[in-house]
Structures are given as C-alpha cells and as structure tokens.
Amino acid sequence: MANRELTPKDILEKDFKTSMRGYNPTEVDEFLDIVIRDYESFSSEINHLKTENQRLMTKVDELAKQSQASPSSSGQGATTVTNFDILKRLSNLERHVFGSKLNDE
C-alpha cells in the first residue's frame, strides 16, 4: 500500500492536454470523478480495516495473556470430559458384565 502514486487530490487536479482530435474533456472529467469517489471509498475501507485489525490483534494478545496466566482452568475442563467418558464406559461395562448376573438371580 505504501507504493501508491496518486491521491484523490492528484486525480482531481490532473489536467490533460487537448489536441485536435482528443477525448471529450467533459467525459474525462466525469470518469475521473467516479475514479476519485472509488479511490476515496477504498482508502476509507482500508483505514477502517486497519483499525479493526489492530483492535482484534490487541484482543488476541489479551486473551493469550489470560490463557497463559491460568493454564490449569483450560486443562481441567478437558480432563473432566475425559474422566466423564471413562466413567461412562466403566458403567456400561459393569452393566454388561454384572447386569446379566443380576438378572439370573
């Protein structure tokens, strides 16, 4: 983005030489007005996106610092899920093994 050669003002102030069989100056001016509006729109959008990107990068940094400050809380949730899965499997196994003996008695 740093290698832009034109600003909206440069486009607006550009003066073309006229020749005997040149372009219609009114059409050129109308077209350049459209180019200027688009150029300004793109510049505005780029500035907005840069601001949004900076805000999100700051938020990512804050969340990374929070996760480093409390690593036990994030790891504990995964262990709880794993322990729950193991207990569920054990329960199913007990039901399968001992359930038939309970039904026989």
PDB file of N, CA and C in Angstrom:
ATOM      1  N   MET A   1       0.805  -1.195   0.000  1.00  0.00           N
ATOM      2  CA  MET A   1       0.000   0.000   0.000  1.00  0.00           C
ATOM      3  C   MET A   1       0.852   1.266   0.000  1.00  0.00           C
ATOM      4  N   ALA A   2       2.064   1.188   0.464  1.00  0.00           N
ATOM      5  CA  ALA A   2       2.906   2.375   0.566  1.00  0.00           C
ATOM      6  C   ALA A   2       3.379   2.861  -0.802  1.00  0.00           C
ATOM      7  N   ASN A   3       3.220   2.062  -1.865  1.00  0.00           N
ATOM      8  CA  ASN A   3       3.725   2.464  -3.163  1.00  0.00           C
ATOM      9  C   ASN A   3       2.660   3.127  -4.039  1.00  0.00           C
ATOM     10  N   ARG A   4       1.643   3.712  -3.434  1.00  0.00           N
ATOM     11  CA  ARG A   4       0.625   4.441  -4.200  1.00  0.00           C
ATOM     12  C   ARG A   4       1.212   5.732  -4.735  1.00  0.00           C
ATOM     13  N   GLU A   5       0.901   6.017  -5.983  1.00  0.00           N
ATOM     14  CA  GLU A   5       1.419   7.227  -6.594  1.00  0.00           C
ATOM     15  C   GLU A   5       0.391   8.344  -6.618  1.00  0.00           C
ATOM     16  N   LEU A   6      -0.882   8.012  -6.524  1.00  0.00           N
ATOM     17  CA  LEU A   6      -1.937   9.007  -6.662  1.00  0.00           C
ATOM     18  C   LEU A   6      -2.765   9.131  -5.395  1.00  0.00           C
ATOM     19  N   THR A   7      -3.169  10.349  -5.148  1.00  0.00           N
ATOM     20  CA  THR A   7      -4.154  10.607  -4.102  1.00  0.00           C
ATOM     21  C   THR A   7      -5.404  11.112  -4.791  1.00  0.00           C
ATOM     22  N   PRO A   8      -6.532  11.122  -4.099  1.00  0.00           N
ATOM     23  CA  PRO A   8      -7.733  11.685  -4.726  1.00  0.00           C
ATOM     24  C   PRO A   8      -7.512  13.115  -5.225  1.00  0.00           C
ATOM     25  N   LYS A   9      -6.718  13.880  -4.491  1.00  0.00           N
ATOM     26  CA  LYS A   9      -6.441  15.254  -4.902  1.00  0.00           C
ATOM     27  C   LYS A   9      -5.640  15.285  -6.208  1.00  0.00           C
ATOM     28  N   ASP A  10      -4.659  14.374  -6.357  1.00  0.00           N
ATOM     29  CA  ASP A  10      -3.876  14.293  -7.592  1.00  0.00           C
ATOM     30  C   ASP A  10      -4.771  13.996  -8.788  1.00  0.00           C
ATOM     31  N   ILE A  11      -5.703  13.094  -8.600  1.00  0.00           N
ATOM     32  CA  ILE A  11      -6.619  12.742  -9.687  1.00  0.00           C
ATOM     33  C   ILE A  11      -7.503  13.936 -10.039  1.00  0.00           C
ATOM     34  N   LEU A  12      -7.997  14.606  -9.018  1.00  0.00           N
ATOM     35  CA  LEU A  12      -8.877  15.752  -9.236  1.00  0.00           C
ATOM     36  C   LEU A  12      -8.167  16.879  -9.973  1.00  0.00           C
ATOM     37  N   GLU A  13      -6.926  17.113  -9.640  1.00  0.00           N
ATOM     38  CA  GLU A  13      -6.194  18.237 -10.208  1.00  0.00           C
ATOM     39  C   GLU A  13      -5.466  17.900 -11.505  1.00  0.00           C
ATOM     40  N   LYS A  14      -5.548  16.671 -11.959  1.00  0.00           N
ATOM     41  CA  LYS A  14      -4.872  16.285 -13.202  1.00  0.00           C
ATOM     42  C   LYS A  14      -5.493  17.036 -14.371  1.00  0.00           C
ATOM     43  N   ASP A  15      -4.627  17.637 -15.192  1.00  0.00           N
ATOM     44  CA  ASP A  15      -5.086  18.399 -16.345  1.00  0.00           C
ATOM     45  C   ASP A  15      -4.500  17.755 -17.598  1.00  0.00           C
ATOM     46  N   PHE A  16      -5.358  17.343 -18.505  1.00  0.00           N
ATOM     47  CA  PHE A  16      -4.918  16.702 -19.729  1.00  0.00           C
ATOM     48  C   PHE A  16      -4.780  17.742 -20.839  1.00  0.00           C
ATOM     49  N   LYS A  17      -3.781  17.553 -21.652  1.00  0.00           N
ATOM     50  CA  LYS A  17      -3.589  18.434 -22.803  1.00  0.00           C
ATOM     51  C   LYS A  17      -4.642  18.091 -23.855  1.00  0.00           C
ATOM     52  N   THR A  18      -5.111  19.083 -24.537  1.00  0.00           N
ATOM     53  CA  THR A  18      -6.088  18.845 -25.600  1.00  0.00           C
ATOM     54  C   THR A  18      -5.388  18.922 -26.948  1.00  0.00           C
ATOM     55  N   SER A  19      -5.838  18.117 -27.855  1.00  0.00           N
ATOM     56  CA  SER A  19      -5.311  18.147 -29.215  1.00  0.00           C
ATOM     57  C   SER A  19      -6.488  18.225 -30.171  1.00  0.00           C
ATOM     58  N   MET A  20      -6.198  18.256 -31.412  1.00  0.00           N
ATOM     59  CA  MET A  20      -7.249  18.443 -32.399  1.00  0.00           C
ATOM     60  C   MET A  20      -8.304  17.339 -32.348  1.00  0.00           C
ATOM     61  N   ARG A  21      -7.896  16.134 -32.203  1.00  0.00           N
ATOM     62  CA  ARG A  21      -8.849  15.019 -32.179  1.00  0.00           C
ATOM     63  C   ARG A  21      -8.731  14.281 -30.829  1.00  0.00           C
ATOM     64  N   GLY A  22      -8.729  14.976 -29.739  1.00  0.00           N
ATOM     65  CA  GLY A  22      -8.579  14.384 -28.416  1.00  0.00           C
ATOM     66  C   GLY A  22      -9.896  13.893 -27.838  1.00  0.00           C
ATOM     67  N   TYR A  23      -9.827  13.449 -26.613  1.00  0.00           N
ATOM     68  CA  TYR A  23     -11.023  12.978 -25.914  1.00  0.00           C
ATOM     69  C   TYR A  23     -11.904  14.157 -25.524  1.00  0.00           C
ATOM     70  N   ASN A  24     -13.163  13.867 -25.283  1.00  0.00           N
ATOM     71  CA  ASN A  24     -14.107  14.879 -24.818  1.00  0.00           C
ATOM     72  C   ASN A  24     -13.767  15.211 -23.369  1.00  0.00           C
ATOM     73  N   PRO A  25     -13.361  16.443 -23.057  1.00  0.00           N
ATOM     74  CA  PRO A  25     -12.953  16.795 -21.685  1.00  0.00           C
ATOM     75  C   PRO A  25     -14.051  16.556 -20.650  1.00  0.00           C
ATOM     76  N   THR A  26     -15.314  16.740 -21.015  1.00  0.00           N
ATOM     77  CA  THR A  26     -16.411  16.519 -20.067  1.00  0.00           C
ATOM     78  C   THR A  26     -16.508  15.050 -19.691  1.00  0.00           C
ATOM     79  N   GLU A  27     -16.380  14.155 -20.673  1.00  0.00           N
ATOM     80  CA  GLU A  27     -16.432  12.721 -20.378  1.00  0.00           C
ATOM     81  C   GLU A  27     -15.259  12.304 -19.508  1.00  0.00           C
ATOM     82  N   VAL A  28     -14.084  12.834 -19.799  1.00  0.00           N
ATOM     83  CA  VAL A  28     -12.898  12.510 -19.000  1.00  0.00           C
ATOM     84  C   VAL A  28     -13.101  12.982 -17.567  1.00  0.00           C
ATOM     85  N   ASP A  29     -13.607  14.191 -17.382  1.00  0.00           N
ATOM     86  CA  ASP A  29     -13.845  14.728 -16.042  1.00  0.00           C
ATOM     87  C   ASP A  29     -14.876  13.894 -15.281  1.00  0.00           C
ATOM     88  N   GLU A  30     -15.945  13.495 -15.942  1.00  0.00           N
ATOM     89  CA  GLU A  30     -16.973  12.679 -15.291  1.00  0.00           C
ATOM     90  C   GLU A  30     -16.402  11.331 -14.861  1.00  0.00           C
ATOM     91  N   PHE A  31     -15.596  10.735 -15.755  1.00  0.00           N
ATOM     92  CA  PHE A  31     -14.989   9.453 -15.411  1.00  0.00           C
ATOM     93  C   PHE A  31     -14.027   9.596 -14.242  1.00  0.00           C
ATOM     94  N   LEU A  32     -13.210  10.654 -14.264  1.00  0.00           N
ATOM     95  CA  LEU A  32     -12.265  10.869 -13.170  1.00  0.00           C
ATOM     96  C   LEU A  32     -12.983  11.145 -11.852  1.00  0.00           C
ATOM     97  N   ASP A  33     -14.157  11.761 -11.902  1.00  0.00           N
ATOM     98  CA  ASP A  33     -14.940  11.964 -10.681  1.00  0.00           C
ATOM     99  C   ASP A  33     -15.343  10.619 -10.077  1.00  0.00           C
ATOM    100  N   ILE A  34     -15.715   9.696 -10.926  1.00  0.00           N
ATOM    101  CA  ILE A  34     -16.069   8.343 -10.452  1.00  0.00           C
ATOM    102  C   ILE A  34     -14.844   7.659  -9.857  1.00  0.00           C
ATOM    103  N   VAL A  35     -13.703   7.788 -10.533  1.00  0.00           N
ATOM    104  CA  VAL A  35     -12.463   7.188 -10.040  1.00  0.00           C
ATOM    105  C   VAL A  35     -12.101   7.768  -8.675  1.00  0.00           C
ATOM    106  N   ILE A  36     -12.261   9.077  -8.521  1.00  0.00           N
ATOM    107  CA  ILE A  36     -11.948   9.730  -7.245  1.00  0.00           C
ATOM    108  C   ILE A  36     -12.849   9.185  -6.139  1.00  0.00           C
ATOM    109  N   ARG A  37     -14.152   9.070  -6.399  1.00  0.00           N
ATOM    110  CA  ARG A  37     -15.070   8.543  -5.370  1.00  0.00           C
ATOM    111  C   ARG A  37     -14.689   7.122  -4.981  1.00  0.00           C
ATOM    112  N   ASP A  38     -14.384   6.283  -5.973  1.00  0.00           N
ATOM    113  CA  ASP A  38     -13.973   4.917  -5.663  1.00  0.00           C
ATOM    114  C   ASP A  38     -12.670   4.890  -4.878  1.00  0.00           C
ATOM    115  N   TYR A  39     -11.732   5.710  -5.266  1.00  0.00           N
ATOM    116  CA  TYR A  39     -10.436   5.774  -4.604  1.00  0.00           C
ATOM    117  C   TYR A  39     -10.607   6.184  -3.138  1.00  0.00           C
ATOM    118  N   GLU A  40     -11.417   7.195  -2.900  1.00  0.00           N
ATOM    119  CA  GLU A  40     -11.682   7.625  -1.527  1.00  0.00           C
ATOM    120  C   GLU A  40     -12.399   6.541  -0.737  1.00  0.00           C
ATOM    121  N   SER A  41     -13.312   5.856  -1.384  1.00  0.00           N
ATOM    122  CA  SER A  41     -14.037   4.769  -0.724  1.00  0.00           C
ATOM    123  C   SER A  41     -13.076   3.650  -0.320  1.00  0.00           C
ATOM    124  N   PHE A  42     -12.177   3.292  -1.243  1.00  0.00           N
ATOM    125  CA  PHE A  42     -11.211   2.242  -0.924  1.00  0.00           C
ATOM    126  C   PHE A  42     -10.260   2.685   0.179  1.00  0.00           C
ATOM    127  N   SER A  43      -9.830   3.916   0.147  1.00  0.00           N
ATOM    128  CA  SER A  43      -8.947   4.423   1.206  1.00  0.00           C
ATOM    129  C   SER A  43      -9.648   4.385   2.564  1.00  0.00           C
ATOM    130  N   SER A  44     -10.906   4.785   2.575  1.00  0.00           N
ATOM    131  CA  SER A  44     -11.676   4.759   3.810  1.00  0.00           C
ATOM    132  C   SER A  44     -11.839   3.333   4.326  1.00  0.00           C
ATOM    133  N   GLU A  45     -12.141   2.407   3.425  1.00  0.00           N
ATOM    134  CA  GLU A  45     -12.308   0.998   3.815  1.00  0.00           C
ATOM    135  C   GLU A  45     -11.000   0.415   4.340  1.00  0.00           C
ATOM    136  N   ILE A  46      -9.894   0.756   3.702  1.00  0.00           N
ATOM    137  CA  ILE A  46      -8.584   0.280   4.159  1.00  0.00           C
ATOM    138  C   ILE A  46      -8.299   0.797   5.562  1.00  0.00           C
ATOM    139  N   ASN A  47      -8.559   2.074   5.813  1.00  0.00           N
ATOM    140  CA  ASN A  47      -8.331   2.638   7.151  1.00  0.00           C
ATOM    141  C   ASN A  47      -9.217   1.964   8.184  1.00  0.00           C
ATOM    142  N   HIS A  48     -10.467   1.717   7.825  1.00  0.00           N
ATOM    143  CA  HIS A  48     -11.390   1.027   8.736  1.00  0.00           C
ATOM    144  C   HIS A  48     -10.879  -0.382   9.052  1.00  0.00           C
ATOM    145  N   LEU A  49     -10.442  -1.102   8.028  1.00  0.00           N
ATOM    146  CA  LEU A  49      -9.956  -2.469   8.236  1.00  0.00           C
ATOM    147  C   LEU A  49      -8.663  -2.496   9.044  1.00  0.00           C
ATOM    148  N   LYS A  50      -7.805  -1.517   8.848  1.00  0.00           N
ATOM    149  CA  LYS A  50      -6.583  -1.449   9.652  1.00  0.00           C
ATOM    150  C   LYS A  50      -6.923  -1.233  11.126  1.00  0.00           C
ATOM    151  N   THR A  51      -7.881  -0.353  11.384  1.00  0.00           N
ATOM    152  CA  THR A  51      -8.308  -0.097  12.758  1.00  0.00           C
ATOM    153  C   THR A  51      -8.915  -1.360  13.374  1.00  0.00           C
ATOM    154  N   GLU A  52      -9.773  -2.015  12.618  1.00  0.00           N
ATOM    155  CA  GLU A  52     -10.408  -3.251  13.106  1.00  0.00           C
ATOM    156  C   GLU A  52      -9.360  -4.337  13.338  1.00  0.00           C
ATOM    157  N   ASN A  53      -8.410  -4.443  12.441  1.00  0.00           N
ATOM    158  CA  ASN A  53      -7.349  -5.432  12.591  1.00  0.00           C
ATOM    159  C   ASN A  53      -6.532  -5.167  13.856  1.00  0.00           C
ATOM    160  N   GLN A  54      -6.211  -3.911  14.104  1.00  0.00           N
ATOM    161  CA  GLN A  54      -5.446  -3.561  15.300  1.00  0.00           C
ATOM    162  C   GLN A  54      -6.231  -3.892  16.565  1.00  0.00           C
ATOM    163  N   ARG A  55      -7.543  -3.606  16.549  1.00  0.00           N
ATOM    164  CA  ARG A  55      -8.381  -3.918  17.703  1.00  0.00           C
ATOM    165  C   ARG A  55      -8.407  -5.421  17.965  1.00  0.00           C
ATOM    166  N   LEU A  56      -8.541  -6.209  16.898  1.00  0.00           N
ATOM    167  CA  LEU A  56      -8.591  -7.656  17.055  1.00  0.00           C
ATOM    168  C   LEU A  56      -7.250  -8.234  17.492  1.00  0.00           C
ATOM    169  N   MET A  57      -6.157  -7.657  16.986  1.00  0.00           N
ATOM    170  CA  MET A  57      -4.835  -8.126  17.408  1.00  0.00           C
ATOM    171  C   MET A  57      -4.617  -7.842  18.896  1.00  0.00           C
ATOM    172  N   THR A  58      -5.079  -6.694  19.361  1.00  0.00           N
ATOM    173  CA  THR A  58      -4.980  -6.370  20.783  1.00  0.00           C
ATOM    174  C   THR A  58      -5.789  -7.358  21.610  1.00  0.00           C
ATOM    175  N   LYS A  59      -6.979  -7.685  21.135  1.00  0.00           N
ATOM    176  CA  LYS A  59      -7.826  -8.649  21.848  1.00  0.00           C
ATOM    177  C   LYS A  59      -7.179 -10.030  21.888  1.00  0.00           C
ATOM    178  N   VAL A  60      -6.561 -10.443  20.785  1.00  0.00           N
ATOM    179  CA  VAL A  60      -5.867 -11.732  20.748  1.00  0.00           C
ATOM    180  C   VAL A  60      -4.731 -11.751  21.768  1.00  0.00           C
ATOM    181  N   ASP A  61      -3.983 -10.660  21.825  1.00  0.00           N
ATOM    182  CA  ASP A  61      -2.886 -10.569  22.800  1.00  0.00           C
ATOM    183  C   ASP A  61      -3.409 -10.667  24.228  1.00  0.00           C
ATOM    184  N   GLU A  62      -4.521  -9.978  24.509  1.00  0.00           N
ATOM    185  CA  GLU A  62      -5.103 -10.031  25.854  1.00  0.00           C
ATOM    186  C   GLU A  62      -5.559 -11.443  26.191  1.00  0.00           C
ATOM    187  N   LEU A  63      -6.205 -12.111  25.254  1.00  0.00           N
ATOM    188  CA  LEU A  63      -6.676 -13.476  25.503  1.00  0.00           C
ATOM    189  C   LEU A  63      -5.512 -14.452  25.660  1.00  0.00           C
ATOM    190  N   ALA A  64      -4.445 -14.234  24.916  1.00  0.00           N
ATOM    191  CA  ALA A  64      -3.262 -15.085  25.060  1.00  0.00           C
ATOM    192  C   ALA A  64      -2.641 -14.910  26.442  1.00  0.00           C
ATOM    193  N   LYS A  65      -2.593 -13.667  26.913  1.00  0.00           N
ATOM    194  CA  LYS A  65      -2.050 -13.416  28.253  1.00  0.00           C
ATOM    195  C   LYS A  65      -2.926 -14.059  29.320  1.00  0.00           C
ATOM    196  N   GLN A  66      -4.255 -13.988  29.134  1.00  0.00           N
ATOM    197  CA  GLN A  66      -5.164 -14.608  30.094  1.00  0.00           C
ATOM    198  C   GLN A  66      -4.999 -16.119  30.111  1.00  0.00           C
ATOM    199  N   SER A  67      -4.839 -16.732  28.958  1.00  0.00           N
ATOM    200  CA  SER A  67      -4.707 -18.189  28.915  1.00  0.00           C
ATOM    201  C   SER A  67      -3.380 -18.640  29.507  1.00  0.00           C
ATOM    202  N   GLN A  68      -2.327 -17.820  29.378  1.00  0.00           N
ATOM    203  CA  GLN A  68      -1.043 -18.144  29.990  1.00  0.00           C
ATOM    204  C   GLN A  68      -1.097 -17.958  31.499  1.00  0.00           C
ATOM    205  N   ALA A  69      -1.905 -17.019  31.953  1.00  0.00           N
ATOM    206  CA  ALA A  69      -1.998 -16.751  33.385  1.00  0.00           C
ATOM    207  C   ALA A  69      -2.755 -17.857  34.121  1.00  0.00           C
ATOM    208  N   SER A  70      -3.688 -18.513  33.457  1.00  0.00           N
ATOM    209  CA  SER A  70      -4.466 -19.555  34.120  1.00  0.00           C
ATOM    210  C   SER A  70      -4.519 -20.825  33.265  1.00  0.00           C
ATOM    211  N   PRO A  71      -3.389 -21.538  33.130  1.00  0.00           N
ATOM    212  CA  PRO A  71      -3.392 -22.739  32.292  1.00  0.00           C
ATOM    213  C   PRO A  71      -4.147 -23.904  32.923  1.00  0.00           C
ATOM    214  N   SER A  72      -4.284 -23.929  34.275  1.00  0.00           N
ATOM    215  CA  SER A  72      -4.950 -25.059  34.926  1.00  0.00           C
ATOM    216  C   SER A  72      -6.437 -25.104  34.614  1.00  0.00           C
ATOM    217  N   SER A  73      -7.079 -23.949  34.445  1.00  0.00           N
ATOM    218  CA  SER A  73      -8.510 -23.952  34.202  1.00  0.00           C
ATOM    219  C   SER A  73      -8.847 -24.514  32.833  1.00  0.00           C
ATOM    220  N   SER A  74      -8.024 -24.228  31.811  1.00  0.00           N
ATOM    221  CA  SER A  74      -8.328 -24.741  30.474  1.00  0.00           C
ATOM    222  C   SER A  74      -8.015 -26.228  30.389  1.00  0.00           C
ATOM    223  N   GLY A  75      -6.978 -26.699  31.041  1.00  0.00           N
ATOM    224  CA  GLY A  75      -6.626 -28.121  31.017  1.00  0.00           C
ATOM    225  C   GLY A  75      -7.568 -28.957  31.842  1.00  0.00           C
ATOM    226  N   GLN A  76      -8.132 -28.401  32.889  1.00  0.00           N
ATOM    227  CA  GLN A  76      -9.013 -29.133  33.772  1.00  0.00           C
ATOM    228  C   GLN A  76     -10.309 -29.514  33.078  1.00  0.00           C
ATOM    229  N   GLY A  77     -10.827 -28.667  32.222  1.00  0.00           N
ATOM    230  CA  GLY A  77     -12.059 -28.959  31.509  1.00  0.00           C
ATOM    231  C   GLY A  77     -11.896 -30.173  30.607  1.00  0.00           C
ATOM    232  N   ALA A  78     -10.759 -30.293  29.937  1.00  0.00           N
ATOM    233  CA  ALA A  78     -10.502 -31.431  29.063  1.00  0.00           C
ATOM    234  C   ALA A  78     -10.362 -32.705  29.883  1.00  0.00           C
ATOM    235  N   THR A  79      -9.740 -32.624  31.071  1.00  0.00           N
ATOM    236  CA  THR A  79      -9.593 -33.786  31.935  1.00  0.00           C
ATOM    237  C   THR A  79     -10.945 -34.238  32.451  1.00  0.00           C
ATOM    238  N   THR A  80     -11.825 -33.311  32.809  1.00  0.00           N
ATOM    239  CA  THR A  80     -13.153 -33.641  33.290  1.00  0.00           C
ATOM    240  C   THR A  80     -13.938 -34.383  32.220  1.00  0.00           C
ATOM    241  N   VAL A  81     -13.870 -33.935  31.008  1.00  0.00           N
ATOM    242  CA  VAL A  81     -14.567 -34.608  29.911  1.00  0.00           C
ATOM    243  C   VAL A  81     -14.003 -36.010  29.729  1.00  0.00           C
ATOM    244  N   THR A  82     -12.692 -36.141  29.787  1.00  0.00           N
ATOM    245  CA  THR A  82     -12.065 -37.443  29.639  1.00  0.00           C
ATOM    246  C   THR A  82     -12.473 -38.360  30.779  1.00  0.00           C
ATOM    247  N   ASN A  83     -12.469 -37.856  32.021  1.00  0.00           N
ATOM    248  CA  ASN A  83     -12.877 -38.658  33.163  1.00  0.00           C
ATOM    249  C   ASN A  83     -14.343 -39.063  33.050  1.00  0.00           C
ATOM    250  N   PHE A  84     -15.169 -38.181  32.578  1.00  0.00           N
ATOM    251  CA  PHE A  84     -16.587 -38.494  32.394  1.00  0.00           C
ATOM    252  C   PHE A  84     -16.751 -39.621  31.379  1.00  0.00           C
ATOM    253  N   ASP A  85     -15.993 -39.540  30.288  1.00  0.00           N
ATOM    254  CA  ASP A  85     -16.067 -40.589  29.277  1.00  0.00           C
ATOM    255  C   ASP A  85     -15.626 -41.936  29.838  1.00  0.00           C
ATOM    256  N   ILE A  86     -14.576 -41.934  30.632  1.00  0.00           N
ATOM    257  CA  ILE A  86     -14.085 -43.178  31.241  1.00  0.00           C
ATOM    258  C   ILE A  86     -15.127 -43.749  32.192  1.00  0.00           C
ATOM    259  N   LEU A  87     -15.722 -42.900  33.024  1.00  0.00           N
ATOM    260  CA  LEU A  87     -16.747 -43.381  33.956  1.00  0.00           C
ATOM    261  C   LEU A  87     -17.964 -43.923  33.207  1.00  0.00           C
ATOM    262  N   LYS A  88     -18.324 -43.303  32.136  1.00  0.00           N
ATOM    263  CA  LYS A  88     -19.457 -43.773  31.338  1.00  0.00           C
ATOM    264  C   LYS A  88     -19.156 -45.147  30.736  1.00  0.00           C
ATOM    265  N   ARG A  89     -17.946 -45.323  30.237  1.00  0.00           N
ATOM    266  CA  ARG A  89     -17.548 -46.614  29.678  1.00  0.00           C
ATOM    267  C   ARG A  89     -17.526 -47.697  30.750  1.00  0.00           C
ATOM    268  N   LEU A  90     -17.006 -47.344  31.938  1.00  0.00           N
ATOM    269  CA  LEU A  90     -16.992 -48.311  33.044  1.00  0.00           C
ATOM    270  C   LEU A  90     -18.409 -48.710  33.447  1.00  0.00           C
ATOM    271  N   SER A  91     -19.290 -47.751  33.485  1.00  0.00           N
ATOM    272  CA  SER A  91     -20.677 -48.023  33.831  1.00  0.00           C
ATOM    273  C   SER A  91     -21.318 -48.965  32.811  1.00  0.00           C
ATOM    274  N   ASN A  92     -21.079 -48.722  31.551  1.00  0.00           N
ATOM    275  CA  ASN A  92     -21.609 -49.608  30.512  1.00  0.00           C
ATOM    276  C   ASN A  92     -21.022 -51.009  30.620  1.00  0.00           C
ATOM    277  N   LEU A  93     -19.727 -51.098  30.913  1.00  0.00           N
ATOM    278  CA  LEU A  93     -19.076 -52.392  31.070  1.00  0.00           C
ATOM    279  C   LEU A  93     -19.636 -53.145  32.276  1.00  0.00           C
ATOM    280  N   GLU A  94     -19.812 -52.465  33.411  1.00  0.00           N
ATOM    281  CA  GLU A  94     -20.389 -53.102  34.600  1.00  0.00           C
ATOM    282  C   GLU A  94     -21.804 -53.587  34.316  1.00  0.00           C
ATOM    283  N   ARG A  95     -22.560 -52.778  33.633  1.00  0.00           N
ATOM    284  CA  ARG A  95     -23.919 -53.177  33.287  1.00  0.00           C
ATOM    285  C   ARG A  95     -23.910 -54.428  32.408  1.00  0.00           C
ATOM    286  N   HIS A  96     -22.959 -54.499  31.485  1.00  0.00           N
ATOM    287  CA  HIS A  96     -22.870 -55.635  30.581  1.00  0.00           C
ATOM    288  C   HIS A  96     -22.424 -56.895  31.336  1.00  0.00           C
ATOM    289  N   VAL A  97     -21.410 -56.743  32.194  1.00  0.00           N
ATOM    290  CA  VAL A  97     -20.848 -57.914  32.897  1.00  0.00           C
ATOM    291  C   VAL A  97     -21.748 -58.323  34.064  1.00  0.00           C
ATOM    292  N   PHE A  98     -22.082 -57.380  34.929  1.00  0.00           N
ATOM    293  CA  PHE A  98     -22.808 -57.723  36.133  1.00  0.00           C
ATOM    294  C   PHE A  98     -24.323 -57.688  35.927  1.00  0.00           C
ATOM    295  N   GLY A  99     -24.763 -57.044  34.911  1.00  0.00           N
ATOM    296  CA  GLY A  99     -26.203 -56.955  34.671  1.00  0.00           C
ATOM    297  C   GLY A  99     -26.787 -58.320  34.390  1.00  0.00           C
ATOM    298  N   SER A 100     -26.084 -59.145  33.650  1.00  0.00           N
ATOM    299  CA  SER A 100     -26.600 -60.489  33.344  1.00  0.00           C
ATOM    300  C   SER A 100     -26.641 -61.348  34.587  1.00  0.00           C
ATOM    301  N   LYS A 101     -25.694 -61.192  35.520  1.00  0.00           N
ATOM    302  CA  LYS A 101     -25.697 -61.955  36.763  1.00  0.00           C
ATOM    303  C   LYS A 101     -26.840 -61.506  37.655  1.00  0.00           C
ATOM    304  N   LEU A 102     -27.146 -60.204  37.655  1.00  0.00           N
ATOM    305  CA  LEU A 102     -28.232 -59.708  38.464  1.00  0.00           C
ATOM    306  C   LEU A 102     -29.569 -60.209  37.916  1.00  0.00           C
ATOM    307  N   ASN A 103     -29.688 -60.342  36.629  1.00  0.00           N
ATOM    308  CA  ASN A 103     -30.919 -60.835  36.014  1.00  0.00           C
ATOM    309  C   ASN A 103     -31.100 -62.330  36.261  1.00  0.00           C
ATOM    310  N   ASP A 104     -29.985 -63.113  36.400  1.00  0.00           N
ATOM    311  CA  ASP A 104     -30.053 -64.553  36.637  1.00  0.00           C
ATOM    312  C   ASP A 104     -30.531 -64.860  38.041  1.00  0.00           C
ATOM    313  N   GLU A 105     -30.247 -64.028  39.001  1.00  0.00           N
ATOM    314  CA  GLU A 105     -30.588 -64.307  40.399  1.00  0.00           C
ATOM    315  C   GLU A 105     -31.983 -64.035  40.692  1.00  0.00           C
TER     316      GLU A 105
END
